[in-house]
Protein backbone atom coordinates (compact mmCIF):
# COMPACT_ATOMS: atom_id res chain seq x y z
CA MET A 1 -20.54 30.23 -11.13
CA ARG A 2 -19.52 30.46 -7.52
CA ARG A 3 -16.39 28.99 -6.05
CA TRP A 4 -16.24 27.76 -2.95
CA ASN A 5 -13.30 28.95 -0.65
CA ARG A 6 -11.08 26.45 0.67
CA ILE A 7 -10.65 26.24 4.41
CA GLY A 8 -6.48 26.24 5.02
CA ASP A 9 -4.48 24.77 2.36
CA LEU A 10 -4.71 20.90 2.71
CA VAL A 11 -2.05 18.55 1.39
CA PHE A 12 -2.98 14.82 1.19
CA ALA A 13 -0.04 13.47 3.60
CA HIS A 14 -0.47 9.78 3.87
CA THR A 15 -2.38 6.69 4.32
CA SER A 16 -2.14 4.43 7.44
CA ILE A 17 -2.71 0.50 7.19
CA ARG A 18 -2.34 -1.52 10.18
CA THR A 19 0.28 -4.50 10.07
CA SER A 20 0.52 -7.55 12.17
CA ASN A 21 4.17 -7.45 12.03
CA MET A 22 6.17 -4.53 11.43
CA ASP A 23 9.47 -5.90 10.07
CA ARG A 24 7.73 -8.37 7.71
CA SER A 25 5.69 -5.43 6.07
CA ILE A 26 8.85 -3.31 6.16
CA TYR A 27 10.56 -6.01 4.02
CA PHE A 28 7.41 -6.23 1.70
CA TYR A 29 7.39 -2.78 0.79
CA THR A 30 10.93 -2.06 0.60
CA ARG A 31 12.39 -4.78 -0.87
CA LEU A 32 9.62 -6.09 -3.11
CA LEU A 33 7.83 -2.96 -3.79
CA GLY A 34 10.83 -0.38 -3.67
CA LEU A 35 9.72 1.90 -1.01
CA SER A 36 12.45 3.82 1.01
CA LEU A 37 11.83 3.61 4.77
CA LEU A 38 11.53 7.16 6.01
CA SER A 39 11.23 6.75 9.72
CA ARG A 40 9.91 4.03 12.42
CA ARG A 41 9.33 5.01 15.90
CA GLU A 42 7.34 3.94 19.00
CA ILE A 43 4.20 5.68 19.99
CA ARG A 44 3.82 5.11 23.66
CA GLN A 45 0.41 6.71 24.31
CA ASN A 46 -0.90 3.73 21.90
CA ASN A 47 1.32 1.11 22.88
CA ALA A 48 2.06 0.92 19.03
CA GLU A 49 5.01 1.31 16.39
CA ILE A 50 4.71 3.34 13.47
CA ALA A 51 6.77 3.40 10.32
CA PHE A 52 6.79 5.94 7.27
CA LEU A 53 7.54 4.86 3.61
CA GLN A 54 7.57 6.56 0.33
CA ASP A 55 9.02 6.04 -3.09
CA PRO A 56 12.59 6.45 -3.45
CA ASP A 57 12.33 10.00 -5.15
CA GLY A 58 9.84 11.03 -2.79
CA LYS A 59 7.19 11.86 -5.50
CA GLY A 60 4.13 9.88 -4.31
CA SER A 61 2.28 10.01 -0.87
CA LYS A 62 3.73 8.31 2.08
CA LEU A 63 2.45 4.94 3.49
CA GLU A 64 2.32 4.58 7.36
CA LEU A 65 2.32 1.28 8.49
CA THR A 66 0.99 1.03 12.17
CA PHE A 67 1.45 -2.06 14.34
CA TYR A 68 -0.56 -1.96 17.69
CA ARG A 69 0.92 -4.21 20.12
CA LYS A 70 -2.33 -5.01 21.81
CA GLN A 71 -4.20 -5.93 19.11
CA GLU A 72 -5.09 -9.47 19.21
CA LYS A 73 -7.52 -10.25 16.56
CA PHE A 74 -5.73 -9.55 12.88
CA ILE A 75 -8.47 -10.84 10.48
CA GLN A 76 -8.84 -9.24 7.04
CA ALA A 77 -12.57 -9.30 6.28
CA ASP A 78 -13.93 -11.17 3.14
CA TYR A 79 -13.65 -8.98 -0.16
CA GLU A 80 -17.30 -8.06 -0.22
CA ASP A 81 -17.35 -6.92 3.71
CA ARG A 82 -14.04 -4.93 3.35
CA VAL A 83 -14.64 -1.28 4.37
CA PHE A 84 -11.09 -0.29 3.19
CA ASP A 85 -10.61 -1.15 -0.54
CA HIS A 86 -6.98 -0.90 -1.71
CA ILE A 87 -3.83 1.03 -2.19
CA ALA A 88 -2.22 1.56 -5.54
CA PHE A 89 1.19 1.79 -7.21
CA GLU A 90 2.47 2.43 -10.44
CA VAL A 91 4.85 0.26 -11.89
CA LYS A 92 7.22 0.62 -14.85
CA ASN A 93 7.03 -3.18 -16.06
CA MET A 94 4.18 -5.14 -14.82
CA GLU A 95 5.49 -8.42 -16.24
CA GLN A 96 8.86 -8.00 -14.18
CA ILE A 97 6.77 -7.13 -11.00
CA ILE A 98 4.39 -10.08 -11.26
CA SER A 99 7.56 -12.24 -11.85
CA ALA A 100 9.26 -11.23 -8.87
CA MET A 101 5.91 -11.49 -6.59
CA ARG A 102 5.37 -15.13 -7.83
CA LYS A 103 9.09 -16.08 -6.77
CA GLU A 104 8.34 -14.38 -3.37
CA LYS A 105 4.89 -16.34 -3.24
CA VAL A 106 3.06 -13.02 -2.96
CA THR A 107 -0.93 -13.50 -3.13
CA ILE A 108 -1.81 -12.42 -6.92
CA THR A 109 -5.78 -11.74 -6.54
CA ASP A 110 -6.19 -10.31 -9.89
CA GLU A 111 -3.54 -11.42 -12.92
CA PRO A 112 -2.63 -8.64 -14.97
CA PHE A 113 -5.45 -7.29 -17.54
CA LYS A 114 -5.89 -4.49 -19.58
CA LEU A 115 -8.51 -1.62 -18.41
CA GLY A 116 -10.13 -1.06 -21.63
CA PRO A 117 -8.94 -1.12 -25.13
CA ALA A 118 -6.86 2.28 -24.51
CA GLY A 119 -6.43 1.87 -20.50
CA PRO A 120 -3.48 0.98 -18.53
CA MET A 121 -2.62 -2.60 -17.60
CA ILE A 122 -3.55 -3.55 -14.11
CA ALA A 123 -3.33 -6.30 -11.72
CA PHE A 124 -3.90 -6.97 -7.64
CA ILE A 125 -1.81 -8.63 -5.26
CA GLU A 126 -2.33 -8.64 -1.25
CA ASP A 127 0.52 -7.73 1.17
CA PRO A 128 1.36 -9.90 4.06
CA ASP A 129 -1.83 -8.97 6.06
CA GLY A 130 -4.02 -9.24 3.19
CA THR A 131 -4.08 -5.59 2.36
CA LEU A 132 -5.15 -5.19 -1.31
CA ILE A 133 -2.86 -3.65 -3.57
CA GLU A 134 -3.32 -2.49 -7.01
CA LEU A 135 -0.43 -2.34 -9.72
CA ILE A 136 -0.79 0.03 -12.56
CA GLU A 137 1.33 0.12 -15.62
CA LYS A 138 0.69 2.91 -17.94
CA ARG A 139 2.15 3.24 -21.62
């Protein structure tokens, strides 16, 4: 069987999601989900601001938050009409994180459930802008 040659050495670097309020999103991802803020800077060419976050141990991919200052409309499409589905985070203790999300009044779209008899426990929440986030507890 023939193996295709790769063009260059590619490594998945980050995923960017838009935010309507950079400070609020940084608070959500750092304080509530435990990511570390790596950098935050202006992009003058696009009249935008970006911030990069990652888990404190630097294991996972980076999350880029992007705030476009001229974006007047910021409306998340209904679930069935979304083009972007979700981002996912592994968690150590589902019960603990869901409890913390409730205290912070975070929208929980899907309560924790087992993904099949031997599968992980998963749940879905939304960030402050309605971006869907899957939480995965593997045991």
